[in-house]
Amino acid sequence: IEDPKKRLGQLSVGEILTVEKHPNADKLKVCEVKSSTGII
């Protein structure tokens, strides 16, 4: 029985609140994300 639900564990839905340029990398962004445990 292939059940992907079991492999997905605690992965959950979040929402990106803000997107800022990474101070030390041109291709990276620093995102403020609302998650199941708060803002991270």
Full PDB file with SEQRES, HELIX, SHEET, SSBOND, CRYST1, ORIGX, SCALE, CONECT and MASTER records, all heavy atoms in Angstrom:
SEQRES   1 A   40  ILE GLU ASP PRO LYS LYS ARG LEU GLY GLN LEU SER VAL          
SEQRES   2 A   40  GLY GLU ILE LEU THR VAL GLU LYS HIS PRO ASN ALA ASP          
SEQRES   3 A   40  LYS LEU LYS VAL CYS GLU VAL LYS SER SER THR GLY ILE          
SEQRES   4 A   40  ILE                                                          
HELIX    1 AA1 PRO A    4  LEU A    8  1                                   5    
SHEET    1 AA1 3 GLU A  15  LYS A  21  0                                        
SHEET    2 AA1 3 LYS A  29  SER A  35 -1                                        
SHEET    3 AA1 3 GLY A  38  ILE A  39 -1                                        
CRYST1    1.000    1.000    1.000  90.00  90.00  90.00 P 1           1          
ORIGX1      1.000000  0.000000  0.000000        0.00000                         
ORIGX2      0.000000  1.000000  0.000000        0.00000                         
ORIGX3      0.000000  0.000000  1.000000        0.00000                         
SCALE1      1.000000  0.000000  0.000000        0.00000                         
SCALE2      0.000000  1.000000  0.000000        0.00000                         
SCALE3      0.000000  0.000000  1.000000        0.00000                         
ATOM      1  N   ILE A   1       0.876  -1.173   0.000  1.00  0.00           N  
ATOM      2  CA  ILE A   1       0.000   0.000   0.000  1.00  0.00           C  
ATOM      3  C   ILE A   1       0.909   1.218   0.000  1.00  0.00           C  
ATOM      4  O   ILE A   1       1.671   1.441   0.945  1.00  0.00           O  
ATOM      5  CB  ILE A   1      -0.937   0.054   1.223  1.00  0.00           C  
ATOM      6  CG1 ILE A   1      -1.821  -1.193   1.302  1.00  0.00           C  
ATOM      7  CG2 ILE A   1      -1.810   1.310   1.165  1.00  0.00           C  
ATOM      8  CD1 ILE A   1      -2.692  -1.248   2.546  1.00  0.00           C  
ATOM      9  N   GLU A   2       0.867   1.974  -1.082  1.00  0.00           N  
ATOM     10  CA  GLU A   2       1.630   3.217  -1.151  1.00  0.00           C  
ATOM     11  C   GLU A   2       0.731   4.338  -0.645  1.00  0.00           C  
ATOM     12  O   GLU A   2      -0.241   4.706  -1.300  1.00  0.00           O  
ATOM     13  CB  GLU A   2       2.056   3.505  -2.589  1.00  0.00           C  
ATOM     14  CG  GLU A   2       2.954   2.449  -3.200  1.00  0.00           C  
ATOM     15  CD  GLU A   2       3.211   2.690  -4.683  1.00  0.00           C  
ATOM     16  OE1 GLU A   2       2.927   3.821  -5.144  1.00  0.00           O  
ATOM     17  OE2 GLU A   2       3.647   1.751  -5.366  1.00  0.00           O  
ATOM     18  N   ASP A   3       1.055   4.865   0.533  1.00  0.00           N  
ATOM     19  CA  ASP A   3       0.224   5.904   1.133  1.00  0.00           C  
ATOM     20  C   ASP A   3       1.080   7.139   1.400  1.00  0.00           C  
ATOM     21  O   ASP A   3       1.794   7.205   2.408  1.00  0.00           O  
ATOM     22  CB  ASP A   3      -0.395   5.398   2.435  1.00  0.00           C  
ATOM     23  CG  ASP A   3      -1.447   6.355   2.984  1.00  0.00           C  
ATOM     24  OD1 ASP A   3      -1.576   7.463   2.425  1.00  0.00           O  
ATOM     25  OD2 ASP A   3      -2.127   6.001   3.959  1.00  0.00           O  
ATOM     26  N   PRO A   4       1.046   8.126   0.497  1.00  0.00           N  
ATOM     27  CA  PRO A   4       1.885   9.312   0.668  1.00  0.00           C  
ATOM     28  C   PRO A   4       1.525  10.118   1.906  1.00  0.00           C  
ATOM     29  O   PRO A   4       2.346  10.882   2.406  1.00  0.00           O  
ATOM     30  CB  PRO A   4       1.629  10.112  -0.607  1.00  0.00           C  
ATOM     31  CG  PRO A   4       0.289   9.673  -1.070  1.00  0.00           C  
ATOM     32  CD  PRO A   4       0.193   8.229  -0.682  1.00  0.00           C  
ATOM     33  N   LYS A   5       0.309   9.955   2.408  1.00  0.00           N  
ATOM     34  CA  LYS A   5      -0.100  10.699   3.600  1.00  0.00           C  
ATOM     35  C   LYS A   5       0.834  10.421   4.770  1.00  0.00           C  
ATOM     36  O   LYS A   5       1.157  11.301   5.562  1.00  0.00           O  
ATOM     37  CB  LYS A   5      -1.544  10.341   3.967  1.00  0.00           C  
ATOM     38  CG  LYS A   5      -2.594  10.853   2.998  1.00  0.00           C  
ATOM     39  CD  LYS A   5      -3.975  10.356   3.406  1.00  0.00           C  
ATOM     40  CE  LYS A   5      -5.053  10.855   2.454  1.00  0.00           C  
ATOM     41  NZ  LYS A   5      -5.367  12.266   2.634  1.00  0.00           N  
ATOM     42  N   LYS A   6       1.276   9.159   4.877  1.00  0.00           N  
ATOM     43  CA  LYS A   6       2.150   8.780   5.990  1.00  0.00           C  
ATOM     44  C   LYS A   6       3.510   9.454   5.878  1.00  0.00           C  
ATOM     45  O   LYS A   6       4.125   9.806   6.884  1.00  0.00           O  
ATOM     46  CB  LYS A   6       2.315   7.256   6.015  1.00  0.00           C  
ATOM     47  CG  LYS A   6       1.046   6.501   6.356  1.00  0.00           C  
ATOM     48  CD  LYS A   6       1.297   5.006   6.367  1.00  0.00           C  
ATOM     49  CE  LYS A   6       0.024   4.243   6.713  1.00  0.00           C  
ATOM     50  NZ  LYS A   6       0.232   2.784   6.704  1.00  0.00           N  
ATOM     51  N   ARG A   7       4.003   9.617   4.651  1.00  0.00           N  
ATOM     52  CA  ARG A   7       5.329  10.206   4.448  1.00  0.00           C  
ATOM     53  C   ARG A   7       5.317  11.727   4.599  1.00  0.00           C  
ATOM     54  O   ARG A   7       6.377  12.340   4.762  1.00  0.00           O  
ATOM     55  CB  ARG A   7       5.867   9.824   3.070  1.00  0.00           C  
ATOM     56  CG  ARG A   7       6.219   8.353   2.959  1.00  0.00           C  
ATOM     57  CD  ARG A   7       6.618   7.954   1.546  1.00  0.00           C  
ATOM     58  NE  ARG A   7       7.780   8.650   1.030  1.00  0.00           N  
ATOM     59  CZ  ARG A   7       9.046   8.358   1.316  1.00  0.00           C  
ATOM     60  NH1 ARG A   7       9.309   7.375   2.161  1.00  0.00           N  
ATOM     61  NH2 ARG A   7      10.051   9.037   0.773  1.00  0.00           N  
ATOM     62  N   LEU A   8       4.133  12.331   4.557  1.00  0.00           N  
ATOM     63  CA  LEU A   8       4.059  13.785   4.624  1.00  0.00           C  
ATOM     64  C   LEU A   8       4.060  14.315   6.046  1.00  0.00           C  
ATOM     65  O   LEU A   8       4.240  15.516   6.262  1.00  0.00           O  
ATOM     66  CB  LEU A   8       2.805  14.280   3.881  1.00  0.00           C  
ATOM     67  CG  LEU A   8       2.844  14.059   2.366  1.00  0.00           C  
ATOM     68  CD1 LEU A   8       1.490  14.358   1.747  1.00  0.00           C  
ATOM     69  CD2 LEU A   8       3.924  14.912   1.713  1.00  0.00           C  
ATOM     70  N   GLY A   9       3.841  13.430   7.021  1.00  0.00           N  
ATOM     71  CA  GLY A   9       3.982  13.778   8.432  1.00  0.00           C  
ATOM     72  C   GLY A   9       3.311  15.073   8.840  1.00  0.00           C  
ATOM     73  O   GLY A   9       2.130  15.290   8.614  1.00  0.00           O  
ATOM     74  N   GLN A  10       4.116  15.993   9.416  1.00  0.00           N  
ATOM     75  CA  GLN A  10       3.591  17.244   9.971  1.00  0.00           C  
ATOM     76  C   GLN A  10       3.758  18.437   9.032  1.00  0.00           C  
ATOM     77  O   GLN A  10       3.580  19.591   9.455  1.00  0.00           O  
ATOM     78  CB  GLN A  10       4.278  17.539  11.312  1.00  0.00           C  
ATOM     79  CG  GLN A  10       3.991  16.513  12.397  1.00  0.00           C  
ATOM     80  CD  GLN A  10       2.503  16.376  12.660  1.00  0.00           C  
ATOM     81  OE1 GLN A  10       1.823  17.382  12.951  1.00  0.00           O  
ATOM     82  NE2 GLN A  10       1.977  15.172  12.559  1.00  0.00           N  
ATOM     83  N   LEU A  11       4.113  18.191   7.777  1.00  0.00           N  
ATOM     84  CA  LEU A  11       4.206  19.297   6.824  1.00  0.00           C  
ATOM     85  C   LEU A  11       2.851  19.987   6.721  1.00  0.00           C  
ATOM     86  O   LEU A  11       1.825  19.332   6.559  1.00  0.00           O  
ATOM     87  CB  LEU A  11       4.640  18.782   5.449  1.00  0.00           C  
ATOM     88  CG  LEU A  11       5.971  18.021   5.383  1.00  0.00           C  
ATOM     89  CD1 LEU A  11       6.270  17.602   3.953  1.00  0.00           C  
ATOM     90  CD2 LEU A  11       7.100  18.854   5.943  1.00  0.00           C  
ATOM     91  N   SER A  12       2.846  21.294   6.817  1.00  0.00           N  
ATOM     92  CA  SER A  12       1.564  22.003   6.911  1.00  0.00           C  
ATOM     93  C   SER A  12       1.557  23.267   6.057  1.00  0.00           C  
ATOM     94  O   SER A  12       2.576  23.691   5.507  1.00  0.00           O  
ATOM     95  CB  SER A  12       1.271  22.369   8.372  1.00  0.00           C  
ATOM     96  OG  SER A  12       2.295  23.214   8.882  1.00  0.00           O  
ATOM     97  N   VAL A  13       0.392  23.869   5.980  1.00  0.00           N  
ATOM     98  CA  VAL A  13       0.184  25.049   5.135  1.00  0.00           C  
ATOM     99  C   VAL A  13       0.659  26.311   5.858  1.00  0.00           C  
ATOM    100  O   VAL A  13       0.400  26.504   7.047  1.00  0.00           O  
ATOM    101  CB  VAL A  13      -1.304  25.192   4.765  1.00  0.00           C  
ATOM    102  CG1 VAL A  13      -1.546  26.461   3.940  1.00  0.00           C  
ATOM    103  CG2 VAL A  13      -1.786  23.959   4.017  1.00  0.00           C  
ATOM    104  N   GLY A  14       1.386  27.134   5.119  1.00  0.00           N  
ATOM    105  CA  GLY A  14       1.797  28.432   5.636  1.00  0.00           C  
ATOM    106  C   GLY A  14       1.461  29.530   4.645  1.00  0.00           C  
ATOM    107  O   GLY A  14       1.052  29.260   3.501  1.00  0.00           O  
ATOM    108  N   GLU A  15       1.643  30.778   5.072  1.00  0.00           N  
ATOM    109  CA  GLU A  15       1.387  31.933   4.194  1.00  0.00           C  
ATOM    110  C   GLU A  15       2.568  32.883   4.272  1.00  0.00           C  
ATOM    111  O   GLU A  15       2.996  33.264   5.367  1.00  0.00           O  
ATOM    112  CB  GLU A  15       0.110  32.656   4.598  1.00  0.00           C  
ATOM    113  CG  GLU A  15      -0.202  33.850   3.705  1.00  0.00           C  
ATOM    114  CD  GLU A  15      -1.468  34.590   4.117  1.00  0.00           C  
ATOM    115  OE1 GLU A  15      -2.080  34.201   5.127  1.00  0.00           O  
ATOM    116  OE2 GLU A  15      -1.824  35.562   3.418  1.00  0.00           O  
ATOM    117  N   ILE A  16       3.103  33.266   3.121  1.00  0.00           N  
ATOM    118  CA  ILE A  16       4.205  34.220   3.082  1.00  0.00           C  
ATOM    119  C   ILE A  16       3.650  35.620   3.320  1.00  0.00           C  
ATOM    120  O   ILE A  16       2.806  36.102   2.563  1.00  0.00           O  
ATOM    121  CB  ILE A  16       4.939  34.158   1.731  1.00  0.00           C  
ATOM    122  CG1 ILE A  16       5.509  32.757   1.490  1.00  0.00           C  
ATOM    123  CG2 ILE A  16       6.062  35.188   1.691  1.00  0.00           C  
ATOM    124  CD1 ILE A  16       6.133  32.579   0.122  1.00  0.00           C  
ATOM    125  N   LEU A  17       4.135  36.282   4.383  1.00  0.00           N  
ATOM    126  CA  LEU A  17       3.659  37.617   4.712  1.00  0.00           C  
ATOM    127  C   LEU A  17       4.499  38.696   4.040  1.00  0.00           C  
ATOM    128  O   LEU A  17       3.962  39.667   3.493  1.00  0.00           O  
ATOM    129  CB  LEU A  17       3.671  37.805   6.235  1.00  0.00           C  
ATOM    130  CG  LEU A  17       2.816  36.801   7.032  1.00  0.00           C  
ATOM    131  CD1 LEU A  17       2.965  37.059   8.527  1.00  0.00           C  
ATOM    132  CD2 LEU A  17       1.354  36.899   6.631  1.00  0.00           C  
ATOM    133  N   THR A  18       5.832  38.532   4.117  1.00  0.00           N  
ATOM    134  CA  THR A  18       6.714  39.514   3.494  1.00  0.00           C  
ATOM    135  C   THR A  18       7.880  38.802   2.808  1.00  0.00           C  
ATOM    136  O   THR A  18       8.256  37.686   3.185  1.00  0.00           O  
ATOM    137  CB  THR A  18       7.292  40.503   4.522  1.00  0.00           C  
ATOM    138  OG1 THR A  18       8.095  39.776   5.472  1.00  0.00           O  
ATOM    139  CG2 THR A  18       6.182  41.249   5.252  1.00  0.00           C  
ATOM    140  N   VAL A  19       8.442  39.447   1.801  1.00  0.00           N  
ATOM    141  CA  VAL A  19       9.612  38.925   1.088  1.00  0.00           C  
ATOM    142  C   VAL A  19      10.648  40.045   0.997  1.00  0.00           C  
ATOM    143  O   VAL A  19      10.360  41.115   0.448  1.00  0.00           O  
ATOM    144  CB  VAL A  19       9.247  38.434  -0.329  1.00  0.00           C  
ATOM    145  CG1 VAL A  19      10.490  37.937  -1.051  1.00  0.00           C  
ATOM    146  CG2 VAL A  19       8.193  37.344  -0.267  1.00  0.00           C  
ATOM    147  N   GLU A  20      11.844  39.804   1.570  1.00  0.00           N  
ATOM    148  CA  GLU A  20      12.910  40.788   1.534  1.00  0.00           C  
ATOM    149  C   GLU A  20      14.155  40.172   0.898  1.00  0.00           C  
ATOM    150  O   GLU A  20      14.394  38.968   1.003  1.00  0.00           O  
ATOM    151  CB  GLU A  20      13.258  41.270   2.955  1.00  0.00           C  
ATOM    152  CG  GLU A  20      12.094  41.873   3.724  1.00  0.00           C  
ATOM    153  CD  GLU A  20      11.664  43.231   3.175  1.00  0.00           C  
ATOM    154  OE1 GLU A  20      12.474  43.859   2.443  1.00  0.00           O  
ATOM    155  OE2 GLU A  20      10.527  43.657   3.472  1.00  0.00           O  
ATOM    156  N   LYS A  21      14.972  41.001   0.274  1.00  0.00           N  
ATOM    157  CA  LYS A  21      16.222  40.522  -0.312  1.00  0.00           C  
ATOM    158  C   LYS A  21      17.174  40.093   0.807  1.00  0.00           C  
ATOM    159  O   LYS A  21      17.268  40.750   1.853  1.00  0.00           O  
ATOM    160  CB  LYS A  21      16.844  41.640  -1.145  1.00  0.00           C  
ATOM    161  CG  LYS A  21      18.107  41.233  -1.885  1.00  0.00           C  
ATOM    162  CD  LYS A  21      18.637  42.412  -2.681  1.00  0.00           C  
ATOM    163  CE  LYS A  21      19.934  42.034  -3.390  1.00  0.00           C  
ATOM    164  NZ  LYS A  21      21.003  41.608  -2.462  1.00  0.00           N  
ATOM    165  N   HIS A  22      17.860  38.982   0.588  1.00  0.00           N  
ATOM    166  CA  HIS A  22      18.845  38.515   1.558  1.00  0.00           C  
ATOM    167  C   HIS A  22      20.009  39.510   1.585  1.00  0.00           C  
ATOM    168  O   HIS A  22      20.520  39.910   0.524  1.00  0.00           O  
ATOM    169  CB  HIS A  22      19.338  37.118   1.149  1.00  0.00           C  
ATOM    170  CG  HIS A  22      20.130  36.408   2.201  1.00  0.00           C  
ATOM    171  ND1 HIS A  22      21.388  36.820   2.589  1.00  0.00           N  
ATOM    172  CD2 HIS A  22      19.852  35.299   2.958  1.00  0.00           C  
ATOM    173  CE1 HIS A  22      21.851  36.011   3.528  1.00  0.00           C  
ATOM    174  NE2 HIS A  22      20.922  35.065   3.766  1.00  0.00           N  
ATOM    175  N   PRO A  23      20.455  39.910   2.770  1.00  0.00           N  
ATOM    176  CA  PRO A  23      21.515  40.929   2.833  1.00  0.00           C  
ATOM    177  C   PRO A  23      22.862  40.467   2.292  1.00  0.00           C  
ATOM    178  O   PRO A  23      23.694  41.300   1.909  1.00  0.00           O  
ATOM    179  CB  PRO A  23      21.611  41.243   4.329  1.00  0.00           C  
ATOM    180  CG  PRO A  23      21.074  40.029   5.018  1.00  0.00           C  
ATOM    181  CD  PRO A  23      20.001  39.521   4.101  1.00  0.00           C  
ATOM    182  N   ASN A  24      23.080  39.132   2.238  1.00  0.00           N  
ATOM    183  CA  ASN A  24      24.398  38.639   1.851  1.00  0.00           C  
ATOM    184  C   ASN A  24      24.378  37.723   0.626  1.00  0.00           C  
ATOM    185  O   ASN A  24      25.353  37.022   0.362  1.00  0.00           O  
ATOM    186  CB  ASN A  24      25.038  37.869   3.024  1.00  0.00           C  
ATOM    187  CG  ASN A  24      25.117  38.711   4.280  1.00  0.00           C  
ATOM    188  OD1 ASN A  24      25.475  39.875   4.228  1.00  0.00           O  
ATOM    189  ND2 ASN A  24      24.743  38.113   5.413  1.00  0.00           N  
ATOM    190  N   ALA A  25      23.257  37.680  -0.105  1.00  0.00           N  
ATOM    191  CA  ALA A  25      23.165  36.798  -1.278  1.00  0.00           C  
ATOM    192  C   ALA A  25      22.155  37.371  -2.275  1.00  0.00           C  
ATOM    193  O   ALA A  25      21.008  37.651  -1.923  1.00  0.00           O  
ATOM    194  CB  ALA A  25      22.747  35.387  -0.863  1.00  0.00           C  
ATOM    195  N   ASP A  26      22.603  37.536  -3.517  1.00  0.00           N  
ATOM    196  CA  ASP A  26      21.741  38.161  -4.534  1.00  0.00           C  
ATOM    197  C   ASP A  26      20.538  37.304  -4.911  1.00  0.00           C  
ATOM    198  O   ASP A  26      19.472  37.827  -5.244  1.00  0.00           O  
ATOM    199  CB  ASP A  26      22.553  38.454  -5.793  1.00  0.00           C  
ATOM    200  CG  ASP A  26      23.579  39.563  -5.567  1.00  0.00           C  
ATOM    201  OD1 ASP A  26      23.374  40.348  -4.614  1.00  0.00           O  
ATOM    202  OD2 ASP A  26      24.555  39.621  -6.329  1.00  0.00           O  
ATOM    203  N   LYS A  27      20.713  35.958  -4.892  1.00  0.00           N  
ATOM    204  CA  LYS A  27      19.652  35.080  -5.379  1.00  0.00           C  
ATOM    205  C   LYS A  27      18.745  34.532  -4.271  1.00  0.00           C  
ATOM    206  O   LYS A  27      17.865  33.727  -4.540  1.00  0.00           O  
ATOM    207  CB  LYS A  27      20.267  33.916  -6.165  1.00  0.00           C  
ATOM    208  CG  LYS A  27      20.960  34.362  -7.444  1.00  0.00           C  
ATOM    209  CD  LYS A  27      21.483  33.171  -8.236  1.00  0.00           C  
ATOM    210  CE  LYS A  27      22.142  33.630  -9.524  1.00  0.00           C  
ATOM    211  NZ  LYS A  27      22.663  32.483 -10.322  1.00  0.00           N  
ATOM    212  N   LEU A  28      18.960  34.955  -3.048  1.00  0.00           N  
ATOM    213  CA  LEU A  28      18.155  34.458  -1.934  1.00  0.00           C  
ATOM    214  C   LEU A  28      17.230  35.539  -1.396  1.00  0.00           C  
ATOM    215  O   LEU A  28      17.507  36.740  -1.511  1.00  0.00           O  
ATOM    216  CB  LEU A  28      19.057  33.945  -0.805  1.00  0.00           C  
ATOM    217  CG  LEU A  28      19.971  32.759  -1.141  1.00  0.00           C  
ATOM    218  CD1 LEU A  28      20.819  32.392   0.063  1.00  0.00           C  
ATOM    219  CD2 LEU A  28      19.138  31.559  -1.598  1.00  0.00           C  
ATOM    220  N   LYS A  29      16.124  35.085  -0.833  1.00  0.00           N  
ATOM    221  CA  LYS A  29      15.154  35.977  -0.200  1.00  0.00           C  
ATOM    222  C   LYS A  29      14.948  35.537   1.256  1.00  0.00           C  
ATOM    223  O   LYS A  29      15.075  34.362   1.588  1.00  0.00           O  
ATOM    224  CB  LYS A  29      13.801  35.905  -0.924  1.00  0.00           C  
ATOM    225  CG  LYS A  29      13.856  36.257  -2.408  1.00  0.00           C  
ATOM    226  CD  LYS A  29      14.038  37.739  -2.613  1.00  0.00           C  
ATOM    227  CE  LYS A  29      13.747  38.151  -4.051  1.00  0.00           C  
ATOM    228  NZ  LYS A  29      14.554  37.421  -5.038  1.00  0.00           N  
ATOM    229  N   VAL A  30      14.619  36.502   2.096  1.00  0.00           N  
ATOM    230  CA  VAL A  30      14.257  36.206   3.480  1.00  0.00           C  
ATOM    231  C   VAL A  30      12.760  36.444   3.610  1.00  0.00           C  
ATOM    232  O   VAL A  30      12.277  37.567   3.392  1.00  0.00           O  
ATOM    233  CB  VAL A  30      15.032  37.082   4.482  1.00  0.00           C  
ATOM    234  CG1 VAL A  30      14.614  36.739   5.915  1.00  0.00           C  
ATOM    235  CG2 VAL A  30      16.524  36.896   4.310  1.00  0.00           C  
ATOM    236  N   CYS A  31      12.040  35.378   3.931  1.00  0.00           N  
ATOM    237  CA  CYS A  31      10.573  35.447   3.967  1.00  0.00           C  
ATOM    238  C   CYS A  31      10.057  35.356   5.398  1.00  0.00           C  
ATOM    239  O   CYS A  31      10.525  34.521   6.182  1.00  0.00           O  
ATOM    240  CB  CYS A  31       9.968  34.315   3.152  1.00  0.00           C  
ATOM    241  SG  CYS A  31      10.509  34.279   1.438  1.00  0.00           S  
ATOM    242  N   GLU A  32       9.117  36.206   5.693  1.00  0.00           N  
ATOM    243  CA  GLU A  32       8.386  36.109   6.960  1.00  0.00           C  
ATOM    244  C   GLU A  32       7.139  35.284   6.675  1.00  0.00           C  
ATOM    245  O   GLU A  32       6.322  35.662   5.829  1.00  0.00           O  
ATOM    246  CB  GLU A  32       8.018  37.506   7.446  1.00  0.00           C  
ATOM    247  CG  GLU A  32       7.498  37.549   8.870  1.00  0.00           C  
ATOM    248  CD  GLU A  32       7.238  38.976   9.322  1.00  0.00           C  
ATOM    249  OE1 GLU A  32       6.370  39.637   8.684  1.00  0.00           O  
ATOM    250  OE2 GLU A  32       7.885  39.438  10.273  1.00  0.00           O  
ATOM    251  N   VAL A  33       7.022  34.133   7.354  1.00  0.00           N  
ATOM    252  CA  VAL A  33       5.976  33.172   7.019  1.00  0.00           C  
ATOM    253  C   VAL A  33       5.107  32.869   8.231  1.00  0.00           C  
ATOM    254  O   VAL A  33       5.615  32.556   9.317  1.00  0.00           O  
ATOM    255  CB  VAL A  33       6.600  31.851   6.498  1.00  0.00           C  
ATOM    256  CG1 VAL A  33       5.505  30.841   6.146  1.00  0.00           C  
ATOM    257  CG2 VAL A  33       7.489  32.118   5.279  1.00  0.00           C  
ATOM    258  N   LYS A  34       3.808  32.976   8.013  1.00  0.00           N  
ATOM    259  CA  LYS A  34       2.859  32.574   9.055  1.00  0.00           C  
ATOM    260  C   LYS A  34       2.680  31.069   8.973  1.00  0.00           C  
ATOM    261  O   LYS A  34       2.301  30.533   7.932  1.00  0.00           O  
ATOM    262  CB  LYS A  34       1.519  33.284   8.834  1.00  0.00           C  
ATOM    263  CG  LYS A  34       0.474  32.994   9.902  1.00  0.00           C  
ATOM    264  CD  LYS A  34      -0.812  33.751   9.595  1.00  0.00           C  
ATOM    265  CE  LYS A  34      -1.875  33.472  10.650  1.00  0.00           C  
ATOM    266  NZ  LYS A  34      -3.151  34.174  10.329  1.00  0.00           N  
ATOM    267  N   SER A  35       2.969  30.368  10.080  1.00  0.00           N  
ATOM    268  CA  SER A  35       2.898  28.909  10.078  1.00  0.00           C  
ATOM    269  C   SER A  35       1.985  28.415  11.190  1.00  0.00           C  
ATOM    270  O   SER A  35       1.406  29.215  11.932  1.00  0.00           O  
ATOM    271  CB  SER A  35       4.296  28.312  10.265  1.00  0.00           C  
ATOM    272  OG  SER A  35       4.733  28.494  11.601  1.00  0.00           O  
ATOM    273  N   SER A  36       1.915  27.102  11.330  1.00  0.00           N  
ATOM    274  CA  SER A  36       1.054  26.504  12.360  1.00  0.00           C  
ATOM    275  C   SER A  36       1.550  26.817  13.763  1.00  0.00           C  
ATOM    276  O   SER A  36       0.790  26.733  14.730  1.00  0.00           O  
ATOM    277  CB  SER A  36       0.992  24.986  12.169  1.00  0.00           C  
ATOM    278  OG  SER A  36       2.295  24.423  12.254  1.00  0.00           O  
ATOM    279  N   THR A  37       2.837  27.192  13.880  1.00  0.00           N  
ATOM    280  CA  THR A  37       3.403  27.477  15.215  1.00  0.00           C  
ATOM    281  C   THR A  37       3.692  28.953  15.418  1.00  0.00           C  
ATOM    282  O   THR A  37       4.358  29.327  16.384  1.00  0.00           O  
ATOM    283  CB  THR A  37       4.702  26.671  15.396  1.00  0.00           C  
ATOM    284  OG1 THR A  37       5.608  26.987  14.336  1.00  0.00           O  
ATOM    285  CG2 THR A  37       4.435  25.173  15.407  1.00  0.00           C  
ATOM    286  N   GLY A  38       3.234  29.795  14.516  1.00  0.00           N  
ATOM    287  CA  GLY A  38       3.488  31.225  14.636  1.00  0.00           C  
ATOM    288  C   GLY A  38       4.240  31.759  13.438  1.00  0.00           C  
ATOM    289  O   GLY A  38       4.397  31.080  12.421  1.00  0.00           O  
ATOM    290  N   ILE A  39       4.751  32.983  13.567  1.00  0.00           N  
ATOM    291  CA  ILE A  39       5.469  33.621  12.460  1.00  0.00           C  
ATOM    292  C   ILE A  39       6.952  33.263  12.550  1.00  0.00           C  
ATOM    293  O   ILE A  39       7.582  33.414  13.605  1.00  0.00           O  
ATOM    294  CB  ILE A  39       5.265  35.143  12.486  1.00  0.00           C  
ATOM    295  CG1 ILE A  39       3.778  35.465  12.256  1.00  0.00           C  
ATOM    296  CG2 ILE A  39       6.121  35.827  11.414  1.00  0.00           C  
ATOM    297  CD1 ILE A  39       3.429  36.924  12.385  1.00  0.00           C  
ATOM    298  N   ILE A  40       7.507  32.779  11.411  1.00  0.00           N  
ATOM    299  CA  ILE A  40       8.898  32.342  11.368  1.00  0.00           C  
ATOM    300  C   ILE A  40       9.603  32.949  10.160  1.00  0.00           C  
ATOM    301  O   ILE A  40       8.951  33.399   9.217  1.00  0.00           O  
ATOM    302  CB  ILE A  40       9.004  30.800  11.299  1.00  0.00           C  
ATOM    303  CG1 ILE A  40       8.259  30.259  10.058  1.00  0.00           C  
ATOM    304  CG2 ILE A  40       8.465  30.154  12.569  1.00  0.00           C  
ATOM    305  CD1 ILE A  40       8.400  28.759   9.852  1.00  0.00           C  
TER     306      ILE A  40                                                      
MASTER        0    0    0    1    3    0    0    6  305    1    0    4          
END                                                                             
